[in-house]
Amino acid sequence: MKKIALPVAGNILSPHFDHCQYFKIYNVENQMVINEELIKAPVLKSSLLPNWLANHNVTDVIADGIRHKTIEILNQYKINVFVGVKMKDPNELVNDFLEGTIETNGNLFDR
């Protein structure tokens, strides 16, 4: 089973991975979403978010902007990262991901 997490603000993908209001997490089996949950984002340093996501058994992250160092930490937890996606409805992004049509541009922040 895959668990796909997206940082969200309102009903759209958040432009900032580590400053989002919520994470929407989708449970996927056989390329189909079986359920989803909206979890309030913890108030943590961005370096601690990968551990928090790993504790939620997340396997994949879809984001717009994210720090290179955060990607490295996520990868250490065996979490795949798709970065630089268009800010749109998370449900559409997950469908794009599952269909293999998600577009990324590598929007990295090096602050």
PDB file of N, CA and C in Angstrom:
ATOM      1  N   MET A   1       0.845  -1.182   0.000  1.00  0.00           N
ATOM      2  CA  MET A   1       0.000   0.000   0.000  1.00  0.00           C
ATOM      3  C   MET A   1       0.886   1.240   0.000  1.00  0.00           C
ATOM      4  N   LYS A   2       0.464   2.225  -0.776  1.00  0.00           N
ATOM      5  CA  LYS A   2       1.124   3.516  -0.808  1.00  0.00           C
ATOM      6  C   LYS A   2       0.362   4.487   0.068  1.00  0.00           C
ATOM      7  N   LYS A   3       1.102   5.424   0.668  1.00  0.00           N
ATOM      8  CA  LYS A   3       0.483   6.543   1.385  1.00  0.00           C
ATOM      9  C   LYS A   3       1.109   7.799   0.797  1.00  0.00           C
ATOM     10  N   ILE A   4       0.278   8.603   0.168  1.00  0.00           N
ATOM     11  CA  ILE A   4       0.741   9.800  -0.530  1.00  0.00           C
ATOM     12  C   ILE A   4       0.325  11.020   0.277  1.00  0.00           C
ATOM     13  N   ALA A   5       1.291  11.868   0.622  1.00  0.00           N
ATOM     14  CA  ALA A   5       1.017  13.070   1.416  1.00  0.00           C
ATOM     15  C   ALA A   5       1.240  14.321   0.583  1.00  0.00           C
ATOM     16  N   LEU A   6       0.321  15.276   0.736  1.00  0.00           N
ATOM     17  CA  LEU A   6       0.431  16.573   0.070  1.00  0.00           C
ATOM     18  C   LEU A   6       0.219  17.671   1.107  1.00  0.00           C
ATOM     19  N   PRO A   7       1.089  18.697   1.118  1.00  0.00           N
ATOM     20  CA  PRO A   7       0.850  19.837   2.006  1.00  0.00           C
ATOM     21  C   PRO A   7      -0.255  20.693   1.400  1.00  0.00           C
ATOM     22  N   VAL A   8      -1.254  21.044   2.201  1.00  0.00           N
ATOM     23  CA  VAL A   8      -2.365  21.821   1.666  1.00  0.00           C
ATOM     24  C   VAL A   8      -2.639  23.056   2.525  1.00  0.00           C
ATOM     25  N   ALA A   9      -3.171  24.056   1.856  1.00  0.00           N
ATOM     26  CA  ALA A   9      -3.649  25.293   2.485  1.00  0.00           C
ATOM     27  C   ALA A   9      -5.002  25.572   1.848  1.00  0.00           C
ATOM     28  N   GLY A  10      -6.048  25.530   2.646  1.00  0.00           N
ATOM     29  CA  GLY A  10      -7.380  25.647   2.061  1.00  0.00           C
ATOM     30  C   GLY A  10      -7.673  24.379   1.274  1.00  0.00           C
ATOM     31  N   ASN A  11      -8.128  24.529   0.057  1.00  0.00           N
ATOM     32  CA  ASN A  11      -8.443  23.374  -0.790  1.00  0.00           C
ATOM     33  C   ASN A  11      -7.469  23.207  -1.938  1.00  0.00           C
ATOM     34  N   ILE A  12      -6.239  23.682  -1.738  1.00  0.00           N
ATOM     35  CA  ILE A  12      -5.258  23.649  -2.820  1.00  0.00           C
ATOM     36  C   ILE A  12      -3.896  23.259  -2.250  1.00  0.00           C
ATOM     37  N   LEU A  13      -3.041  22.772  -3.115  1.00  0.00           N
ATOM     38  CA  LEU A  13      -1.685  22.448  -2.712  1.00  0.00           C
ATOM     39  C   LEU A  13      -1.007  23.688  -2.156  1.00  0.00           C
ATOM     40  N   SER A  14      -0.348  23.559  -1.023  1.00  0.00           N
ATOM     41  CA  SER A  14       0.363  24.683  -0.417  1.00  0.00           C
ATOM     42  C   SER A  14       1.649  24.964  -1.199  1.00  0.00           C
ATOM     43  N   PRO A  15       2.008  26.241  -1.373  1.00  0.00           N
ATOM     44  CA  PRO A  15       3.251  26.544  -2.078  1.00  0.00           C
ATOM     45  C   PRO A  15       4.492  26.221  -1.244  1.00  0.00           C
ATOM     46  N   HIS A  16       4.309  26.030   0.053  1.00  0.00           N
ATOM     47  CA  HIS A  16       5.453  25.765   0.941  1.00  0.00           C
ATOM     48  C   HIS A  16       5.221  24.484   1.732  1.00  0.00           C
ATOM     49  N   PHE A  17       6.070  23.530   1.515  1.00  0.00           N
ATOM     50  CA  PHE A  17       5.973  22.228   2.176  1.00  0.00           C
ATOM     51  C   PHE A  17       5.983  22.360   3.694  1.00  0.00           C
ATOM     52  N   ASP A  18       6.901  23.150   4.220  1.00  0.00           N
ATOM     53  CA  ASP A  18       7.085  23.186   5.668  1.00  0.00           C
ATOM     54  C   ASP A  18       6.292  24.281   6.382  1.00  0.00           C
ATOM     55  N   HIS A  19       5.451  25.003   5.670  1.00  0.00           N
ATOM     56  CA  HIS A  19       4.614  26.028   6.294  1.00  0.00           C
ATOM     57  C   HIS A  19       3.156  25.854   5.877  1.00  0.00           C
ATOM     58  N   CYS A  20       2.709  24.619   5.785  1.00  0.00           N
ATOM     59  CA  CYS A  20       1.334  24.364   5.362  1.00  0.00           C
ATOM     60  C   CYS A  20       0.422  24.264   6.579  1.00  0.00           C
ATOM     61  N   GLN A  21      -0.877  24.364   6.327  1.00  0.00           N
ATOM     62  CA  GLN A  21      -1.861  24.229   7.399  1.00  0.00           C
ATOM     63  C   GLN A  21      -2.149  22.766   7.718  1.00  0.00           C
ATOM     64  N   TYR A  22      -2.221  21.958   6.672  1.00  0.00           N
ATOM     65  CA  TYR A  22      -2.587  20.553   6.810  1.00  0.00           C
ATOM     66  C   TYR A  22      -1.785  19.700   5.832  1.00  0.00           C
ATOM     67  N   PHE A  23      -1.798  18.401   6.102  1.00  0.00           N
ATOM     68  CA  PHE A  23      -1.343  17.421   5.140  1.00  0.00           C
ATOM     69  C   PHE A  23      -2.541  16.558   4.792  1.00  0.00           C
ATOM     70  N   LYS A  24      -2.763  16.378   3.513  1.00  0.00           N
ATOM     71  CA  LYS A  24      -3.793  15.459   3.053  1.00  0.00           C
ATOM     72  C   LYS A  24      -3.060  14.167   2.697  1.00  0.00           C
ATOM     73  N   ILE A  25      -3.482  13.081   3.325  1.00  0.00           N
ATOM     74  CA  ILE A  25      -2.812  11.802   3.129  1.00  0.00           C
ATOM     75  C   ILE A  25      -3.794  10.816   2.510  1.00  0.00           C
ATOM     76  N   TYR A  26      -3.381  10.245   1.387  1.00  0.00           N
ATOM     77  CA  TYR A  26      -4.200   9.297   0.626  1.00  0.00           C
ATOM     78  C   TYR A  26      -3.624   7.893   0.793  1.00  0.00           C
ATOM     79  N   ASN A  27      -4.473   6.946   1.121  1.00  0.00           N
ATOM     80  CA  ASN A  27      -4.086   5.540   1.153  1.00  0.00           C
ATOM     81  C   ASN A  27      -4.471   4.936  -0.191  1.00  0.00           C
ATOM     82  N   VAL A  28      -3.499   4.306  -0.828  1.00  0.00           N
ATOM     83  CA  VAL A  28      -3.691   3.791  -2.186  1.00  0.00           C
ATOM     84  C   VAL A  28      -3.345   2.307  -2.241  1.00  0.00           C
ATOM     85  N   GLU A  29      -4.261   1.528  -2.805  1.00  0.00           N
ATOM     86  CA  GLU A  29      -4.016   0.113  -3.076  1.00  0.00           C
ATOM     87  C   GLU A  29      -4.401  -0.166  -4.520  1.00  0.00           C
ATOM     88  N   ASN A  30      -3.569  -0.916  -5.212  1.00  0.00           N
ATOM     89  CA  ASN A  30      -3.838  -1.277  -6.603  1.00  0.00           C
ATOM     90  C   ASN A  30      -4.179  -0.054  -7.453  1.00  0.00           C
ATOM     91  N   GLN A  31      -3.412   1.012  -7.260  1.00  0.00           N
ATOM     92  CA  GLN A  31      -3.567   2.257  -8.025  1.00  0.00           C
ATOM     93  C   GLN A  31      -4.926   2.931  -7.826  1.00  0.00           C
ATOM     94  N   MET A  32      -5.606   2.633  -6.704  1.00  0.00           N
ATOM     95  CA  MET A  32      -6.890   3.266  -6.401  1.00  0.00           C
ATOM     96  C   MET A  32      -6.850   3.825  -4.982  1.00  0.00           C
ATOM     97  N   VAL A  33      -7.387   5.035  -4.823  1.00  0.00           N
ATOM     98  CA  VAL A  33      -7.480   5.642  -3.503  1.00  0.00           C
ATOM     99  C   VAL A  33      -8.566   4.906  -2.717  1.00  0.00           C
ATOM    100  N   ILE A  34      -8.174   4.365  -1.550  1.00  0.00           N
ATOM    101  CA  ILE A  34      -9.158   3.657  -0.732  1.00  0.00           C
ATOM    102  C   ILE A  34      -9.680   4.537   0.409  1.00  0.00           C
ATOM    103  N   ASN A  35      -8.885   5.518   0.815  1.00  0.00           N
ATOM    104  CA  ASN A  35      -9.384   6.533   1.746  1.00  0.00           C
ATOM    105  C   ASN A  35      -8.386   7.682   1.808  1.00  0.00           C
ATOM    106  N   GLU A  36      -8.829   8.755   2.415  1.00  0.00           N
ATOM    107  CA  GLU A  36      -7.981   9.930   2.561  1.00  0.00           C
ATOM    108  C   GLU A  36      -8.278  10.564   3.905  1.00  0.00           C
ATOM    109  N   GLU A  37      -7.285  11.273   4.422  1.00  0.00           N
ATOM    110  CA  GLU A  37      -7.473  11.969   5.687  1.00  0.00           C
ATOM    111  C   GLU A  37      -6.758  13.313   5.639  1.00  0.00           C
ATOM    112  N   LEU A  38      -7.316  14.258   6.356  1.00  0.00           N
ATOM    113  CA  LEU A  38      -6.741  15.588   6.463  1.00  0.00           C
ATOM    114  C   LEU A  38      -6.220  15.725   7.888  1.00  0.00           C
ATOM    115  N   ILE A  39      -4.904  15.917   8.004  1.00  0.00           N
ATOM    116  CA  ILE A  39      -4.267  15.982   9.315  1.00  0.00           C
ATOM    117  C   ILE A  39      -3.631  17.353   9.495  1.00  0.00           C
ATOM    118  N   LYS A  40      -3.906  17.985  10.619  1.00  0.00           N
ATOM    119  CA  LYS A  40      -3.303  19.284  10.909  1.00  0.00           C
ATOM    120  C   LYS A  40      -1.786  19.121  10.945  1.00  0.00           C
ATOM    121  N   ALA A  41      -1.119  20.012  10.248  1.00  0.00           N
ATOM    122  CA  ALA A  41       0.336  19.953  10.190  1.00  0.00           C
ATOM    123  C   ALA A  41       0.919  20.282  11.568  1.00  0.00           C
ATOM    124  N   PRO A  42       1.907  19.542  11.981  1.00  0.00           N
ATOM    125  CA  PRO A  42       2.517  19.837  13.274  1.00  0.00           C
ATOM    126  C   PRO A  42       3.373  21.096  13.188  1.00  0.00           C
ATOM    127  N   VAL A  43       3.537  21.742  14.303  1.00  0.00           N
ATOM    128  CA  VAL A  43       4.425  22.902  14.351  1.00  0.00           C
ATOM    129  C   VAL A  43       5.808  22.368  14.708  1.00  0.00           C
ATOM    130  N   LEU A  44       6.567  22.073  13.671  1.00  0.00           N
ATOM    131  CA  LEU A  44       7.898  21.495  13.829  1.00  0.00           C
ATOM    132  C   LEU A  44       8.887  22.226  12.940  1.00  0.00           C
ATOM    133  N   LYS A  45      10.149  22.090  13.245  1.00  0.00           N
ATOM    134  CA  LYS A  45      11.178  22.541  12.312  1.00  0.00           C
ATOM    135  C   LYS A  45      11.052  21.681  11.057  1.00  0.00           C
ATOM    136  N   SER A  46      11.363  22.271   9.916  1.00  0.00           N
ATOM    137  CA  SER A  46      11.213  21.520   8.664  1.00  0.00           C
ATOM    138  C   SER A  46      12.051  20.250   8.661  1.00  0.00           C
ATOM    139  N   SER A  47      13.154  20.223   9.401  1.00  0.00           N
ATOM    140  CA  SER A  47      13.993  19.029   9.439  1.00  0.00           C
ATOM    141  C   SER A  47      13.327  17.877  10.187  1.00  0.00           C
ATOM    142  N   LEU A  48      12.271  18.159  10.984  1.00  0.00           N
ATOM    143  CA  LEU A  48      11.576  17.114  11.728  1.00  0.00           C
ATOM    144  C   LEU A  48      10.336  16.588  10.998  1.00  0.00           C
ATOM    145  N   LEU A  49       9.881  17.311   9.973  1.00  0.00           N
ATOM    146  CA  LEU A  49       8.707  16.858   9.216  1.00  0.00           C
ATOM    147  C   LEU A  49       8.893  15.487   8.560  1.00  0.00           C
ATOM    148  N   PRO A  50      10.074  15.198   8.001  1.00  0.00           N
ATOM    149  CA  PRO A  50      10.227  13.866   7.402  1.00  0.00           C
ATOM    150  C   PRO A  50       9.988  12.734   8.400  1.00  0.00           C
ATOM    151  N   ASN A  51      10.466  12.887   9.626  1.00  0.00           N
ATOM    152  CA  ASN A  51      10.241  11.868  10.648  1.00  0.00           C
ATOM    153  C   ASN A  51       8.747  11.751  10.963  1.00  0.00           C
ATOM    154  N   TRP A  52       8.062  12.887  11.063  1.00  0.00           N
ATOM    155  CA  TRP A  52       6.623  12.891  11.333  1.00  0.00           C
ATOM    156  C   TRP A  52       5.876  12.160  10.215  1.00  0.00           C
ATOM    157  N   LEU A  53       6.242  12.437   8.966  1.00  0.00           N
ATOM    158  CA  LEU A  53       5.599  11.765   7.837  1.00  0.00           C
ATOM    159  C   LEU A  53       5.920  10.270   7.827  1.00  0.00           C
ATOM    160  N   ALA A  54       7.154   9.917   8.142  1.00  0.00           N
ATOM    161  CA  ALA A  54       7.531   8.505   8.205  1.00  0.00           C
ATOM    162  C   ALA A  54       6.730   7.787   9.289  1.00  0.00           C
ATOM    163  N   ASN A  55       6.487   8.459  10.401  1.00  0.00           N
ATOM    164  CA  ASN A  55       5.671   7.861  11.468  1.00  0.00           C
ATOM    165  C   ASN A  55       4.228   7.654  11.041  1.00  0.00           C
ATOM    166  N   HIS A  56       3.781   8.378  10.007  1.00  0.00           N
ATOM    167  CA  HIS A  56       2.451   8.175   9.425  1.00  0.00           C
ATOM    168  C   HIS A  56       2.508   7.201   8.244  1.00  0.00           C
ATOM    169  N   ASN A  57       3.651   6.543   8.068  1.00  0.00           N
ATOM    170  CA  ASN A  57       3.853   5.531   7.026  1.00  0.00           C
ATOM    171  C   ASN A  57       3.713   6.081   5.612  1.00  0.00           C
ATOM    172  N   VAL A  58       4.037   7.347   5.429  1.00  0.00           N
ATOM    173  CA  VAL A  58       3.985   7.968   4.101  1.00  0.00           C
ATOM    174  C   VAL A  58       5.073   7.370   3.220  1.00  0.00           C
ATOM    175  N   THR A  59       4.720   7.062   1.979  1.00  0.00           N
ATOM    176  CA  THR A  59       5.680   6.516   1.010  1.00  0.00           C
ATOM    177  C   THR A  59       6.060   7.521  -0.067  1.00  0.00           C
ATOM    178  N   ASP A  60       5.170   8.510  -0.303  1.00  0.00           N
ATOM    179  CA  ASP A  60       5.385   9.483  -1.371  1.00  0.00           C
ATOM    180  C   ASP A  60       4.891  10.859  -0.921  1.00  0.00           C
ATOM    181  N   VAL A  61       5.604  11.893  -1.350  1.00  0.00           N
ATOM    182  CA  VAL A  61       5.204  13.274  -1.088  1.00  0.00           C
ATOM    183  C   VAL A  61       5.090  13.996  -2.421  1.00  0.00           C
ATOM    184  N   ILE A  62       4.003  14.722  -2.590  1.00  0.00           N
ATOM    185  CA  ILE A  62       3.807  15.584  -3.755  1.00  0.00           C
ATOM    186  C   ILE A  62       3.784  17.006  -3.224  1.00  0.00           C
ATOM    187  N   ALA A  63       4.662  17.874  -3.765  1.00  0.00           N
ATOM    188  CA  ALA A  63       4.771  19.238  -3.237  1.00  0.00           C
ATOM    189  C   ALA A  63       5.100  20.220  -4.346  1.00  0.00           C
ATOM    190  N   ASP A  64       4.926  21.498  -4.030  1.00  0.00           N
ATOM    191  CA  ASP A  64       5.358  22.555  -4.945  1.00  0.00           C
ATOM    192  C   ASP A  64       6.793  22.914  -4.590  1.00  0.00           C
ATOM    193  N   GLY A  65       6.968  23.771  -3.592  1.00  0.00           N
ATOM    194  CA  GLY A  65       8.305  24.187  -3.194  1.00  0.00           C
ATOM    195  C   GLY A  65       8.782  23.446  -1.966  1.00  0.00           C
ATOM    196  N   ILE A  66      10.052  23.029  -1.996  1.00  0.00           N
ATOM    197  CA  ILE A  66      10.621  22.266  -0.879  1.00  0.00           C
ATOM    198  C   ILE A  66      12.137  22.459  -0.880  1.00  0.00           C
ATOM    199  N   ARG A  67      12.718  22.427   0.298  1.00  0.00           N
ATOM    200  CA  ARG A  67      14.173  22.585   0.424  1.00  0.00           C
ATOM    201  C   ARG A  67      14.888  21.304   0.011  1.00  0.00           C
ATOM    202  N   HIS A  68      16.043  21.471  -0.623  1.00  0.00           N
ATOM    203  CA  HIS A  68      16.841  20.328  -1.066  1.00  0.00           C
ATOM    204  C   HIS A  68      17.199  19.435   0.120  1.00  0.00           C
ATOM    205  N   LYS A  69      17.587  20.033   1.241  1.00  0.00           N
ATOM    206  CA  LYS A  69      17.963  19.259   2.426  1.00  0.00           C
ATOM    207  C   LYS A  69      16.779  18.433   2.931  1.00  0.00           C
ATOM    208  N   THR A  70      15.576  18.989   2.877  1.00  0.00           N
ATOM    209  CA  THR A  70      14.387  18.252   3.313  1.00  0.00           C
ATOM    210  C   THR A  70      14.147  17.042   2.415  1.00  0.00           C
ATOM    211  N   ILE A  71      14.369  17.202   1.120  1.00  0.00           N
ATOM    212  CA  ILE A  71      14.235  16.066   0.192  1.00  0.00           C
ATOM    213  C   ILE A  71      15.223  14.966   0.561  1.00  0.00           C
ATOM    214  N   GLU A  72      16.451  15.363   0.873  1.00  0.00           N
ATOM    215  CA  GLU A  72      17.460  14.368   1.256  1.00  0.00           C
ATOM    216  C   GLU A  72      17.022  13.586   2.492  1.00  0.00           C
ATOM    217  N   ILE A  73      16.454  14.285   3.476  1.00  0.00           N
ATOM    218  CA  ILE A  73      15.999  13.613   4.698  1.00  0.00           C
ATOM    219  C   ILE A  73      14.806  12.704   4.391  1.00  0.00           C
ATOM    220  N   LEU A  74      13.855  13.185   3.583  1.00  0.00           N
ATOM    221  CA  LEU A  74      12.723  12.349   3.192  1.00  0.00           C
ATOM    222  C   LEU A  74      13.206  11.081   2.508  1.00  0.00           C
ATOM    223  N   ASN A  75      14.173  11.222   1.609  1.00  0.00           N
ATOM    224  CA  ASN A  75      14.716  10.059   0.904  1.00  0.00           C
ATOM    225  C   ASN A  75      15.393   9.071   1.857  1.00  0.00           C
ATOM    226  N   GLN A  76      15.999   9.577   2.930  1.00  0.00           N
ATOM    227  CA  GLN A  76      16.602   8.683   3.928  1.00  0.00           C
ATOM    228  C   GLN A  76      15.544   7.816   4.601  1.00  0.00           C
ATOM    229  N   TYR A  77      14.334   8.324   4.693  1.00  0.00           N
ATOM    230  CA  TYR A  77      13.206   7.563   5.234  1.00  0.00           C
ATOM    231  C   TYR A  77      12.509   6.737   4.151  1.00  0.00           C
ATOM    232  N   LYS A  78      13.113   6.660   2.970  1.00  0.00           N
ATOM    233  CA  LYS A  78      12.549   5.907   1.831  1.00  0.00           C
ATOM    234  C   LYS A  78      11.231   6.501   1.344  1.00  0.00           C
ATOM    235  N   ILE A  79      11.102   7.836   1.472  1.00  0.00           N
ATOM    236  CA  ILE A  79       9.928   8.548   0.980  1.00  0.00           C
ATOM    237  C   ILE A  79      10.296   9.197  -0.349  1.00  0.00           C
ATOM    238  N   ASN A  80       9.552   8.877  -1.406  1.00  0.00           N
ATOM    239  CA  ASN A  80       9.763   9.468  -2.724  1.00  0.00           C
ATOM    240  C   ASN A  80       9.186  10.876  -2.740  1.00  0.00           C
ATOM    241  N   VAL A  81       9.847  11.787  -3.444  1.00  0.00           N
ATOM    242  CA  VAL A  81       9.408  13.183  -3.472  1.00  0.00           C
ATOM    243  C   VAL A  81       9.213  13.636  -4.916  1.00  0.00           C
ATOM    244  N   PHE A  82       8.056  14.219  -5.177  1.00  0.00           N
ATOM    245  CA  PHE A  82       7.726  14.794  -6.471  1.00  0.00           C
ATOM    246  C   PHE A  82       7.514  16.269  -6.221  1.00  0.00           C
ATOM    247  N   VAL A  83       8.409  17.103  -6.750  1.00  0.00           N
ATOM    248  CA  VAL A  83       8.444  18.518  -6.382  1.00  0.00           C
ATOM    249  C   VAL A  83       8.265  19.408  -7.602  1.00  0.00           C
ATOM    250  N   GLY A  84       7.681  20.578  -7.350  1.00  0.00           N
ATOM    251  CA  GLY A  84       7.471  21.546  -8.418  1.00  0.00           C
ATOM    252  C   GLY A  84       6.201  21.301  -9.198  1.00  0.00           C
ATOM    253  N   VAL A  85       5.212  20.676  -8.553  1.00  0.00           N
ATOM    254  CA  VAL A  85       3.941  20.445  -9.247  1.00  0.00           C
ATOM    255  C   VAL A  85       3.083  21.695  -9.179  1.00  0.00           C
ATOM    256  N   LYS A  86       2.150  21.801 -10.094  1.00  0.00           N
ATOM    257  CA  LYS A  86       1.248  22.953 -10.135  1.00  0.00           C
ATOM    258  C   LYS A  86       0.353  22.953  -8.905  1.00  0.00           C
ATOM    259  N   MET A  87       0.091  24.146  -8.407  1.00  0.00           N
ATOM    260  CA  MET A  87      -0.785  24.286  -7.249  1.00  0.00           C
ATOM    261  C   MET A  87      -2.228  24.151  -7.723  1.00  0.00           C
ATOM    262  N   LYS A  88      -2.798  22.977  -7.450  1.00  0.00           N
ATOM    263  CA  LYS A  88      -4.194  22.743  -7.781  1.00  0.00           C
ATOM    264  C   LYS A  88      -4.785  21.791  -6.766  1.00  0.00           C
ATOM    265  N   ASP A  89      -5.996  21.371  -6.988  1.00  0.00           N
ATOM    266  CA  ASP A  89      -6.705  20.497  -6.065  1.00  0.00           C
ATOM    267  C   ASP A  89      -5.886  19.226  -5.801  1.00  0.00           C
ATOM    268  N   PRO A  90      -5.697  18.875  -4.530  1.00  0.00           N
ATOM    269  CA  PRO A  90      -4.922  17.668  -4.208  1.00  0.00           C
ATOM    270  C   PRO A  90      -5.480  16.389  -4.837  1.00  0.00           C
ATOM    271  N   ASN A  91      -6.803  16.280  -4.936  1.00  0.00           N
ATOM    272  CA  ASN A  91      -7.393  15.086  -5.556  1.00  0.00           C
ATOM    273  C   ASN A  91      -6.957  14.944  -7.007  1.00  0.00           C
ATOM    274  N   GLU A  92      -6.911  16.058  -7.731  1.00  0.00           N
ATOM    275  CA  GLU A  92      -6.456  16.028  -9.120  1.00  0.00           C
ATOM    276  C   GLU A  92      -4.991  15.609  -9.204  1.00  0.00           C
ATOM    277  N   LEU A  93      -4.178  16.127  -8.285  1.00  0.00           N
ATOM    278  CA  LEU A  93      -2.754  15.791  -8.291  1.00  0.00           C
ATOM    279  C   LEU A  93      -2.523  14.309  -8.015  1.00  0.00           C
ATOM    280  N   VAL A  94      -3.268  13.749  -7.075  1.00  0.00           N
ATOM    281  CA  VAL A  94      -3.128  12.327  -6.781  1.00  0.00           C
ATOM    282  C   VAL A  94      -3.565  11.497  -7.984  1.00  0.00           C
ATOM    283  N   ASN A  95      -4.647  11.890  -8.629  1.00  0.00           N
ATOM    284  CA  ASN A  95      -5.071  11.177  -9.848  1.00  0.00           C
ATOM    285  C   ASN A  95      -4.003  11.259 -10.933  1.00  0.00           C
ATOM    286  N   ASP A  96      -3.408  12.457 -11.118  1.00  0.00           N
ATOM    287  CA  ASP A  96      -2.313  12.604 -12.082  1.00  0.00           C
ATOM    288  C   ASP A  96      -1.156  11.670 -11.722  1.00  0.00           C
ATOM    289  N   PHE A  97      -0.831  11.629 -10.433  1.00  0.00           N
ATOM    290  CA  PHE A  97       0.253  10.770  -9.952  1.00  0.00           C
ATOM    291  C   PHE A  97      -0.035   9.303 -10.278  1.00  0.00           C
ATOM    292  N   LEU A  98      -1.232   8.866  -9.967  1.00  0.00           N
ATOM    293  CA  LEU A  98      -1.594   7.464 -10.191  1.00  0.00           C
ATOM    294  C   LEU A  98      -1.651   7.116 -11.675  1.00  0.00           C
ATOM    295  N   GLU A  99      -1.997   8.098 -12.506  1.00  0.00           N
ATOM    296  CA  GLU A  99      -2.046   7.872 -13.954  1.00  0.00           C
ATOM    297  C   GLU A  99      -0.680   8.041 -14.610  1.00  0.00           C
ATOM    298  N   GLY A 100       0.312   8.493 -13.835  1.00  0.00           N
ATOM    299  CA  GLY A 100       1.654   8.687 -14.369  1.00  0.00           C
ATOM    300  C   GLY A 100       1.792   9.943 -15.208  1.00  0.00           C
ATOM    301  N   THR A 101       0.888  10.908 -15.002  1.00  0.00           N
ATOM    302  CA  THR A 101       0.921  12.126 -15.818  1.00  0.00           C
ATOM    303  C   THR A 101       1.280  13.371 -15.003  1.00  0.00           C
ATOM    304  N   ILE A 102       1.723  13.188 -13.761  1.00  0.00           N
ATOM    305  CA  ILE A 102       2.052  14.344 -12.930  1.00  0.00           C
ATOM    306  C   ILE A 102       3.287  15.048 -13.499  1.00  0.00           C
ATOM    307  N   GLU A 103       3.219  16.361 -13.550  1.00  0.00           N
ATOM    308  CA  GLU A 103       4.317  17.159 -14.091  1.00  0.00           C
ATOM    309  C   GLU A 103       5.049  17.853 -12.957  1.00  0.00           C
ATOM    310  N   THR A 104       6.380  17.776 -12.963  1.00  0.00           N
ATOM    311  CA  THR A 104       7.201  18.412 -11.943  1.00  0.00           C
ATOM    312  C   THR A 104       8.222  19.322 -12.618  1.00  0.00           C
ATOM    313  N   ASN A 105       8.691  20.327 -11.841  1.00  0.00           N
ATOM    314  CA  ASN A 105       9.727  21.195 -12.392  1.00  0.00           C
ATOM    315  C   ASN A 105      10.902  21.370 -11.444  1.00  0.00           C
ATOM    316  N   GLY A 106      10.939  20.605 -10.342  1.00  0.00           N
ATOM    317  CA  GLY A 106      12.065  20.662  -9.430  1.00  0.00           C
ATOM    318  C   GLY A 106      12.197  21.974  -8.681  1.00  0.00           C
ATOM    319  N   ASN A 107      11.094  22.525  -8.198  1.00  0.00           N
ATOM    320  CA  ASN A 107      11.085  23.805  -7.486  1.00  0.00           C
ATOM    321  C   ASN A 107      11.713  23.647  -6.111  1.00  0.00           C
ATOM    322  N   LEU A 108      13.020  23.875  -6.025  1.00  0.00           N
ATOM    323  CA  LEU A 108      13.750  23.707  -4.776  1.00  0.00           C
ATOM    324  C   LEU A 108      14.049  25.047  -4.144  1.00  0.00           C
ATOM    325  N   PHE A 109      13.946  25.090  -2.825  1.00  0.00           N
ATOM    326  CA  PHE A 109      14.331  26.278  -2.067  1.00  0.00           C
ATOM    327  C   PHE A 109      15.663  25.953  -1.399  1.00  0.00           C
ATOM    328  N   ASP A 110      16.616  26.840  -1.498  1.00  0.00           N
ATOM    329  CA  ASP A 110      17.916  26.631  -0.881  1.00  0.00           C
ATOM    330  C   ASP A 110      18.186  27.691   0.161  1.00  0.00           C
ATOM    331  N   ARG A 111      17.213  27.871   1.058  1.00  0.00           N
ATOM    332  CA  ARG A 111      17.391  28.840   2.132  1.00  0.00           C
ATOM    333  C   ARG A 111      18.061  28.194   3.301  1.00  0.00           C
TER     334      ARG A 111
END
